[in-house]
Amino acid sequence: MTDDEMVSALRAKGWRIQPPIDPKTCKHPQARGSGSLSSDGASKSDGYCPDCGASWHQETAGDPNYQPLGLFY
Protein backbone atom coordinates (compact mmCIF):
# COMPACT_ATOMS: atom_id res chain seq x y z
CA MET A 1 0.00 0.00 0.00
CA THR A 2 1.42 3.39 -0.99
CA ASP A 3 1.25 6.46 1.20
CA ASP A 4 -1.48 7.97 -0.99
CA GLU A 5 -3.57 4.79 -0.75
CA MET A 6 -3.14 4.75 3.03
CA VAL A 7 -4.23 8.40 3.29
CA SER A 8 -7.29 7.70 1.10
CA ALA A 9 -8.25 4.65 3.19
CA LEU A 10 -7.89 6.55 6.47
CA ARG A 11 -9.89 9.53 5.17
CA ALA A 12 -12.62 7.12 4.03
CA LYS A 13 -12.85 5.87 7.63
CA GLY A 14 -13.22 9.43 8.96
CA TRP A 15 -9.64 10.20 9.93
CA ARG A 16 -8.41 13.75 9.41
CA ILE A 17 -5.00 13.56 7.76
CA GLN A 18 -2.78 16.65 7.66
CA PRO A 19 0.65 17.14 6.13
CA PRO A 20 3.56 17.14 8.59
CA ILE A 21 4.55 20.44 10.15
CA ASP A 22 7.84 21.86 8.91
CA PRO A 23 9.35 25.35 9.13
CA LYS A 24 8.20 26.23 5.58
CA THR A 25 4.51 25.39 6.13
CA CYS A 26 4.17 26.27 9.83
CA LYS A 27 2.49 29.59 10.62
CA HIS A 28 4.30 29.71 14.02
CA PRO A 29 1.19 30.24 16.20
CA GLN A 30 3.12 29.39 19.39
CA ALA A 31 6.25 31.41 18.49
CA ARG A 32 8.18 32.95 21.36
CA GLY A 33 10.82 35.61 21.20
CA SER A 34 12.45 38.71 22.53
CA GLY A 35 13.87 41.87 21.10
CA SER A 36 15.18 45.33 21.72
CA LEU A 37 14.98 48.74 20.07
CA SER A 38 17.50 51.54 20.60
CA SER A 39 16.92 55.27 20.35
CA ASP A 40 18.65 55.50 16.96
CA GLY A 41 16.31 52.89 15.45
CA ALA A 42 18.63 49.87 15.62
CA SER A 43 16.84 46.69 16.60
CA LYS A 44 17.54 43.03 17.40
CA SER A 45 15.10 40.17 17.76
CA ASP A 46 15.28 36.43 18.32
CA GLY A 47 12.47 33.92 18.04
CA TYR A 48 11.70 30.22 18.31
CA CYS A 49 8.68 28.11 17.30
CA PRO A 50 8.23 24.99 19.49
CA ASP A 51 5.80 23.46 16.97
CA CYS A 52 8.25 23.10 14.06
CA GLY A 53 11.61 23.91 15.66
CA ALA A 54 12.29 26.99 13.55
CA SER A 55 14.42 29.74 15.05
CA TRP A 56 15.42 33.14 13.74
CA HIS A 57 17.59 36.13 14.51
CA GLN A 58 17.13 39.54 12.93
CA GLU A 59 19.08 42.77 13.27
CA THR A 60 18.57 46.15 11.67
CA ALA A 61 21.04 49.01 11.71
CA GLY A 62 20.17 52.35 13.17
CA ASP A 63 20.42 55.79 11.61
CA PRO A 64 24.15 56.63 11.26
CA ASN A 65 23.32 60.36 11.43
CA TYR A 66 21.39 60.12 14.69
CA GLN A 67 22.19 62.89 17.17
CA PRO A 68 20.82 62.72 20.73
CA LEU A 69 18.76 65.72 21.76
CA GLY A 70 20.90 66.45 24.81
CA LEU A 71 17.99 66.73 27.20
CA PHE A 72 19.80 64.88 29.99
CA TYR A 73 22.99 66.96 30.21
PDB file of N, CA and C in Angstrom:
ATOM      1  N   MET A   1       0.854  -1.175   0.000  1.00  0.00           N
ATOM      2  CA  MET A   1       0.000   0.000   0.000  1.00  0.00           C
ATOM      3  C   MET A   1       0.900   1.239   0.000  1.00  0.00           C
ATOM      4  N   THR A   2       0.640   2.150  -0.918  1.00  0.00           N
ATOM      5  CA  THR A   2       1.423   3.386  -0.988  1.00  0.00           C
ATOM      6  C   THR A   2       0.912   4.376   0.055  1.00  0.00           C
ATOM      7  N   ASP A   3       1.661   5.428   0.249  1.00  0.00           N
ATOM      8  CA  ASP A   3       1.250   6.462   1.198  1.00  0.00           C
ATOM      9  C   ASP A   3      -0.080   7.090   0.776  1.00  0.00           C
ATOM     10  N   ASP A   4      -0.237   7.361  -0.513  1.00  0.00           N
ATOM     11  CA  ASP A   4      -1.480   7.966  -0.994  1.00  0.00           C
ATOM     12  C   ASP A   4      -2.676   7.040  -0.778  1.00  0.00           C
ATOM     13  N   GLU A   5      -2.493   5.747  -0.987  1.00  0.00           N
ATOM     14  CA  GLU A   5      -3.570   4.789  -0.752  1.00  0.00           C
ATOM     15  C   GLU A   5      -3.922   4.710   0.726  1.00  0.00           C
ATOM     16  N   MET A   6      -2.900   4.782   1.580  1.00  0.00           N
ATOM     17  CA  MET A   6      -3.136   4.754   3.026  1.00  0.00           C
ATOM     18  C   MET A   6      -3.909   6.000   3.462  1.00  0.00           C
ATOM     19  N   VAL A   7      -3.531   7.157   2.950  1.00  0.00           N
ATOM     20  CA  VAL A   7      -4.233   8.398   3.287  1.00  0.00           C
ATOM     21  C   VAL A   7      -5.683   8.314   2.832  1.00  0.00           C
ATOM     22  N   SER A   8      -5.917   7.833   1.619  1.00  0.00           N
ATOM     23  CA  SER A   8      -7.288   7.700   1.102  1.00  0.00           C
ATOM     24  C   SER A   8      -8.111   6.743   1.957  1.00  0.00           C
ATOM     25  N   ALA A   9      -7.532   5.624   2.359  1.00  0.00           N
ATOM     26  CA  ALA A   9      -8.248   4.650   3.190  1.00  0.00           C
ATOM     27  C   ALA A   9      -8.578   5.235   4.556  1.00  0.00           C
ATOM     28  N   LEU A  10      -7.634   5.950   5.160  1.00  0.00           N
ATOM     29  CA  LEU A  10      -7.885   6.555   6.474  1.00  0.00           C
ATOM     30  C   LEU A  10      -8.933   7.654   6.388  1.00  0.00           C
ATOM     31  N   ARG A  11      -8.881   8.477   5.340  1.00  0.00           N
ATOM     32  CA  ARG A  11      -9.891   9.528   5.168  1.00  0.00           C
ATOM     33  C   ARG A  11     -11.276   8.918   4.956  1.00  0.00           C
ATOM     34  N   ALA A  12     -11.342   7.789   4.247  1.00  0.00           N
ATOM     35  CA  ALA A  12     -12.621   7.119   4.028  1.00  0.00           C
ATOM     36  C   ALA A  12     -13.221   6.629   5.351  1.00  0.00           C
ATOM     37  N   LYS A  13     -12.373   6.335   6.326  1.00  0.00           N
ATOM     38  CA  LYS A  13     -12.853   5.870   7.630  1.00  0.00           C
ATOM     39  C   LYS A  13     -13.100   7.024   8.597  1.00  0.00           C
ATOM     40  N   GLY A  14     -12.923   8.280   8.120  1.00  0.00           N
ATOM     41  CA  GLY A  14     -13.221   9.432   8.963  1.00  0.00           C
ATOM     42  C   GLY A  14     -12.018  10.083   9.615  1.00  0.00           C
ATOM     43  N   TRP A  15     -10.831   9.591   9.353  1.00  0.00           N
ATOM     44  CA  TRP A  15      -9.638  10.201   9.932  1.00  0.00           C
ATOM     45  C   TRP A  15      -9.349  11.515   9.228  1.00  0.00           C
ATOM     46  N   ARG A  16      -8.836  12.473   9.983  1.00  0.00           N
ATOM     47  CA  ARG A  16      -8.412  13.746   9.406  1.00  0.00           C
ATOM     48  C   ARG A  16      -6.894  13.697   9.254  1.00  0.00           C
ATOM     49  N   ILE A  17      -6.428  13.685   8.044  1.00  0.00           N
ATOM     50  CA  ILE A  17      -4.996  13.560   7.759  1.00  0.00           C
ATOM     51  C   ILE A  17      -4.461  14.924   7.333  1.00  0.00           C
ATOM     52  N   GLN A  18      -3.406  15.377   7.990  1.00  0.00           N
ATOM     53  CA  GLN A  18      -2.784  16.650   7.658  1.00  0.00           C
ATOM     54  C   GLN A  18      -1.323  16.404   7.297  1.00  0.00           C
ATOM     55  N   PRO A  19      -0.777  17.271   6.452  1.00  0.00           N
ATOM     56  CA  PRO A  19       0.646  17.136   6.126  1.00  0.00           C
ATOM     57  C   PRO A  19       1.498  17.425   7.369  1.00  0.00           C
ATOM     58  N   PRO A  20       2.706  16.880   7.428  1.00  0.00           N
ATOM     59  CA  PRO A  20       3.561  17.137   8.589  1.00  0.00           C
ATOM     60  C   PRO A  20       3.937  18.619   8.699  1.00  0.00           C
ATOM     61  N   ILE A  21       4.156  19.055   9.917  1.00  0.00           N
ATOM     62  CA  ILE A  21       4.553  20.440  10.151  1.00  0.00           C
ATOM     63  C   ILE A  21       6.049  20.567   9.907  1.00  0.00           C
ATOM     64  N   ASP A  22       6.431  21.534   9.095  1.00  0.00           N
ATOM     65  CA  ASP A  22       7.839  21.858   8.912  1.00  0.00           C
ATOM     66  C   ASP A  22       7.972  23.376   8.907  1.00  0.00           C
ATOM     67  N   PRO A  23       9.179  23.906   9.034  1.00  0.00           N
ATOM     68  CA  PRO A  23       9.354  25.354   9.126  1.00  0.00           C
ATOM     69  C   PRO A  23       8.794  26.136   7.935  1.00  0.00           C
ATOM     70  N   LYS A  24       8.705  25.511   6.752  1.00  0.00           N
ATOM     71  CA  LYS A  24       8.198  26.233   5.581  1.00  0.00           C
ATOM     72  C   LYS A  24       6.680  26.350   5.588  1.00  0.00           C
ATOM     73  N   THR A  25       5.972  25.363   6.139  1.00  0.00           N
ATOM     74  CA  THR A  25       4.515  25.387   6.130  1.00  0.00           C
ATOM     75  C   THR A  25       3.909  25.849   7.447  1.00  0.00           C
ATOM     76  N   CYS A  26       4.683  25.874   8.509  1.00  0.00           N
ATOM     77  CA  CYS A  26       4.175  26.270   9.828  1.00  0.00           C
ATOM     78  C   CYS A  26       3.914  27.778   9.858  1.00  0.00           C
ATOM     79  N   LYS A  27       2.809  28.176  10.473  1.00  0.00           N
ATOM     80  CA  LYS A  27       2.491  29.594  10.624  1.00  0.00           C
ATOM     81  C   LYS A  27       2.992  30.142  11.961  1.00  0.00           C
ATOM     82  N   HIS A  28       3.677  29.339  12.733  1.00  0.00           N
ATOM     83  CA  HIS A  28       4.302  29.706  14.016  1.00  0.00           C
ATOM     84  C   HIS A  28       3.299  30.324  15.010  1.00  0.00           C
ATOM     85  N   PRO A  29       2.173  29.656  15.280  1.00  0.00           N
ATOM     86  CA  PRO A  29       1.194  30.239  16.199  1.00  0.00           C
ATOM     87  C   PRO A  29       1.672  30.278  17.646  1.00  0.00           C
ATOM     88  N   GLN A  30       2.625  29.439  18.012  1.00  0.00           N
ATOM     89  CA  GLN A  30       3.119  29.389  19.385  1.00  0.00           C
ATOM     90  C   GLN A  30       4.500  30.044  19.511  1.00  0.00           C
ATOM     91  N   ALA A  31       4.900  30.830  18.521  1.00  0.00           N
ATOM     92  CA  ALA A  31       6.250  31.410  18.494  1.00  0.00           C
ATOM     93  C   ALA A  31       6.504  32.265  19.735  1.00  0.00           C
ATOM     94  N   ARG A  32       7.734  32.171  20.199  1.00  0.00           N
ATOM     95  CA  ARG A  32       8.176  32.947  21.357  1.00  0.00           C
ATOM     96  C   ARG A  32       9.423  33.705  20.956  1.00  0.00           C
ATOM     97  N   GLY A  33       9.625  34.854  21.559  1.00  0.00           N
ATOM     98  CA  GLY A  33      10.819  35.606  21.200  1.00  0.00           C
ATOM     99  C   GLY A  33      11.034  36.808  22.090  1.00  0.00           C
ATOM    100  N   SER A  34      12.123  37.491  21.811  1.00  0.00           N
ATOM    101  CA  SER A  34      12.450  38.710  22.534  1.00  0.00           C
ATOM    102  C   SER A  34      13.177  39.641  21.581  1.00  0.00           C
ATOM    103  N   GLY A  35      13.204  40.904  21.951  1.00  0.00           N
ATOM    104  CA  GLY A  35      13.875  41.865  21.097  1.00  0.00           C
ATOM    105  C   GLY A  35      14.139  43.156  21.825  1.00  0.00           C
ATOM    106  N   SER A  36      14.871  44.030  21.145  1.00  0.00           N
ATOM    107  CA  SER A  36      15.179  45.334  21.723  1.00  0.00           C
ATOM    108  C   SER A  36      15.218  46.375  20.608  1.00  0.00           C
ATOM    109  N   LEU A  37      14.971  47.621  20.988  1.00  0.00           N
ATOM    110  CA  LEU A  37      14.984  48.742  20.066  1.00  0.00           C
ATOM    111  C   LEU A  37      15.739  49.878  20.721  1.00  0.00           C
ATOM    112  N   SER A  38      16.716  50.440  20.024  1.00  0.00           N
ATOM    113  CA  SER A  38      17.495  51.538  20.598  1.00  0.00           C
ATOM    114  C   SER A  38      16.958  52.877  20.095  1.00  0.00           C
ATOM    115  N   SER A  39      17.426  53.946  20.694  1.00  0.00           N
ATOM    116  CA  SER A  39      16.915  55.268  20.351  1.00  0.00           C
ATOM    117  C   SER A  39      17.270  55.696  18.929  1.00  0.00           C
ATOM    118  N   ASP A  40      18.313  55.130  18.333  1.00  0.00           N
ATOM    119  CA  ASP A  40      18.655  55.501  16.956  1.00  0.00           C
ATOM    120  C   ASP A  40      17.950  54.626  15.927  1.00  0.00           C
ATOM    121  N   GLY A  41      17.084  53.728  16.352  1.00  0.00           N
ATOM    122  CA  GLY A  41      16.312  52.893  15.446  1.00  0.00           C
ATOM    123  C   GLY A  41      16.893  51.518  15.210  1.00  0.00           C
ATOM    124  N   ALA A  42      18.061  51.210  15.763  1.00  0.00           N
ATOM    125  CA  ALA A  42      18.631  49.871  15.616  1.00  0.00           C
ATOM    126  C   ALA A  42      17.791  48.885  16.423  1.00  0.00           C
ATOM    127  N   SER A  43      17.640  47.675  15.889  1.00  0.00           N
ATOM    128  CA  SER A  43      16.844  46.685  16.601  1.00  0.00           C
ATOM    129  C   SER A  43      17.452  45.300  16.448  1.00  0.00           C
ATOM    130  N   LYS A  44      17.139  44.431  17.416  1.00  0.00           N
ATOM    131  CA  LYS A  44      17.545  43.031  17.402  1.00  0.00           C
ATOM    132  C   LYS A  44      16.356  42.222  17.883  1.00  0.00           C
ATOM    133  N   SER A  45      16.143  41.057  17.272  1.00  0.00           N
ATOM    134  CA  SER A  45      15.099  40.172  17.758  1.00  0.00           C
ATOM    135  C   SER A  45      15.493  38.724  17.505  1.00  0.00           C
ATOM    136  N   ASP A  46      15.061  37.862  18.414  1.00  0.00           N
ATOM    137  CA  ASP A  46      15.284  36.429  18.319  1.00  0.00           C
ATOM    138  C   ASP A  46      13.946  35.745  18.551  1.00  0.00           C
ATOM    139  N   GLY A  47      13.725  34.633  17.860  1.00  0.00           N
ATOM    140  CA  GLY A  47      12.473  33.918  18.038  1.00  0.00           C
ATOM    141  C   GLY A  47      12.653  32.426  17.865  1.00  0.00           C
ATOM    142  N   TYR A  48      11.678  31.677  18.386  1.00  0.00           N
ATOM    143  CA  TYR A  48      11.695  30.222  18.311  1.00  0.00           C
ATOM    144  C   TYR A  48      10.255  29.724  18.250  1.00  0.00           C
ATOM    145  N   CYS A  49       9.996  28.744  17.394  1.00  0.00           N
ATOM    146  CA  CYS A  49       8.680  28.111  17.304  1.00  0.00           C
ATOM    147  C   CYS A  49       8.793  26.679  17.829  1.00  0.00           C
ATOM    148  N   PRO A  50       8.143  26.354  18.945  1.00  0.00           N
ATOM    149  CA  PRO A  50       8.229  24.994  19.487  1.00  0.00           C
ATOM    150  C   PRO A  50       7.482  23.962  18.641  1.00  0.00           C
ATOM    151  N   ASP A  51       6.558  24.399  17.794  1.00  0.00           N
ATOM    152  CA  ASP A  51       5.799  23.458  16.966  1.00  0.00           C
ATOM    153  C   ASP A  51       6.658  22.815  15.883  1.00  0.00           C
ATOM    154  N   CYS A  52       7.468  23.633  15.189  1.00  0.00           N
ATOM    155  CA  CYS A  52       8.246  23.103  14.064  1.00  0.00           C
ATOM    156  C   CYS A  52       9.750  23.158  14.295  1.00  0.00           C
ATOM    157  N   GLY A  53      10.189  23.831  15.362  1.00  0.00           N
ATOM    158  CA  GLY A  53      11.614  23.906  15.664  1.00  0.00           C
ATOM    159  C   GLY A  53      12.349  25.029  14.967  1.00  0.00           C
ATOM    160  N   ALA A  54      11.638  25.890  14.255  1.00  0.00           N
ATOM    161  CA  ALA A  54      12.291  26.994  13.545  1.00  0.00           C
ATOM    162  C   ALA A  54      12.785  28.037  14.547  1.00  0.00           C
ATOM    163  N   SER A  55      13.922  28.633  14.243  1.00  0.00           N
ATOM    164  CA  SER A  55      14.419  29.744  15.051  1.00  0.00           C
ATOM    165  C   SER A  55      14.936  30.820  14.111  1.00  0.00           C
ATOM    166  N   TRP A  56      14.957  32.051  14.592  1.00  0.00           N
ATOM    167  CA  TRP A  56      15.421  33.140  13.745  1.00  0.00           C
ATOM    168  C   TRP A  56      16.053  34.236  14.578  1.00  0.00           C
ATOM    169  N   HIS A  57      16.901  34.987  13.912  1.00  0.00           N
ATOM    170  CA  HIS A  57      17.586  36.130  14.511  1.00  0.00           C
ATOM    171  C   HIS A  57      17.559  37.229  13.462  1.00  0.00           C
ATOM    172  N   GLN A  58      17.201  38.424  13.870  1.00  0.00           N
ATOM    173  CA  GLN A  58      17.126  39.536  12.931  1.00  0.00           C
ATOM    174  C   GLN A  58      17.718  40.780  13.572  1.00  0.00           C
ATOM    175  N   GLU A  59      18.510  41.503  12.806  1.00  0.00           N
ATOM    176  CA  GLU A  59      19.079  42.769  13.266  1.00  0.00           C
ATOM    177  C   GLU A  59      18.900  43.819  12.179  1.00  0.00           C
ATOM    178  N   THR A  60      18.607  45.032  12.593  1.00  0.00           N
ATOM    179  CA  THR A  60      18.572  46.148  11.665  1.00  0.00           C
ATOM    180  C   THR A  60      19.467  47.253  12.212  1.00  0.00           C
ATOM    181  N   ALA A  61      20.142  47.931  11.311  1.00  0.00           N
ATOM    182  CA  ALA A  61      21.043  49.012  11.712  1.00  0.00           C
ATOM    183  C   ALA A  61      20.247  50.274  12.007  1.00  0.00           C
ATOM    184  N   GLY A  62      20.794  51.085  12.851  1.00  0.00           N
ATOM    185  CA  GLY A  62      20.166  52.351  13.169  1.00  0.00           C
ATOM    186  C   GLY A  62      20.578  53.441  12.196  1.00  0.00           C
ATOM    187  N   ASP A  63      20.102  54.636  12.443  1.00  0.00           N
ATOM    188  CA  ASP A  63      20.420  55.788  11.615  1.00  0.00           C
ATOM    189  C   ASP A  63      21.839  56.251  11.939  1.00  0.00           C
ATOM    190  N   PRO A  64      22.768  56.212  10.970  1.00  0.00           N
ATOM    191  CA  PRO A  64      24.148  56.626  11.256  1.00  0.00           C
ATOM    192  C   PRO A  64      24.268  58.121  11.552  1.00  0.00           C
ATOM    193  N   ASN A  65      23.275  58.905  11.190  1.00  0.00           N
ATOM    194  CA  ASN A  65      23.319  60.358  11.426  1.00  0.00           C
ATOM    195  C   ASN A  65      22.546  60.775  12.668  1.00  0.00           C
ATOM    196  N   TYR A  66      22.173  59.818  13.490  1.00  0.00           N
ATOM    197  CA  TYR A  66      21.391  60.121  14.687  1.00  0.00           C
ATOM    198  C   TYR A  66      22.191  60.979  15.661  1.00  0.00           C
ATOM    199  N   GLN A  67      21.579  62.019  16.165  1.00  0.00           N
ATOM    200  CA  GLN A  67      22.194  62.888  17.174  1.00  0.00           C
ATOM    201  C   GLN A  67      21.240  62.951  18.367  1.00  0.00           C
ATOM    202  N   PRO A  68      21.713  62.617  19.567  1.00  0.00           N
ATOM    203  CA  PRO A  68      20.824  62.718  20.727  1.00  0.00           C
ATOM    204  C   PRO A  68      20.433  64.173  20.952  1.00  0.00           C
ATOM    205  N   LEU A  69      19.265  64.383  21.540  1.00  0.00           N
ATOM    206  CA  LEU A  69      18.757  65.725  21.761  1.00  0.00           C
ATOM    207  C   LEU A  69      19.497  66.473  22.854  1.00  0.00           C
ATOM    208  N   GLY A  70      20.159  65.788  23.733  1.00  0.00           N
ATOM    209  CA  GLY A  70      20.903  66.450  24.808  1.00  0.00           C
ATOM    210  C   GLY A  70      20.023  66.930  25.931  1.00  0.00           C
ATOM    211  N   LEU A  71      18.891  66.308  26.146  1.00  0.00           N
ATOM    212  CA  LEU A  71      17.988  66.730  27.203  1.00  0.00           C
ATOM    213  C   LEU A  71      18.459  66.339  28.592  1.00  0.00           C
ATOM    214  N   PHE A  72      19.395  65.403  28.684  1.00  0.00           N
ATOM    215  CA  PHE A  72      19.802  64.881  29.986  1.00  0.00           C
ATOM    216  C   PHE A  72      21.171  65.372  30.415  1.00  0.00           C
ATOM    217  N   TYR A  73      21.649  66.439  29.844  1.00  0.00           N
ATOM    218  CA  TYR A  73      22.985  66.956  30.208  1.00  0.00           C
ATOM    219  C   TYR A  73      22.886  68.024  31.233  1.00  0.00           C
TER     220      TYR A  73
END
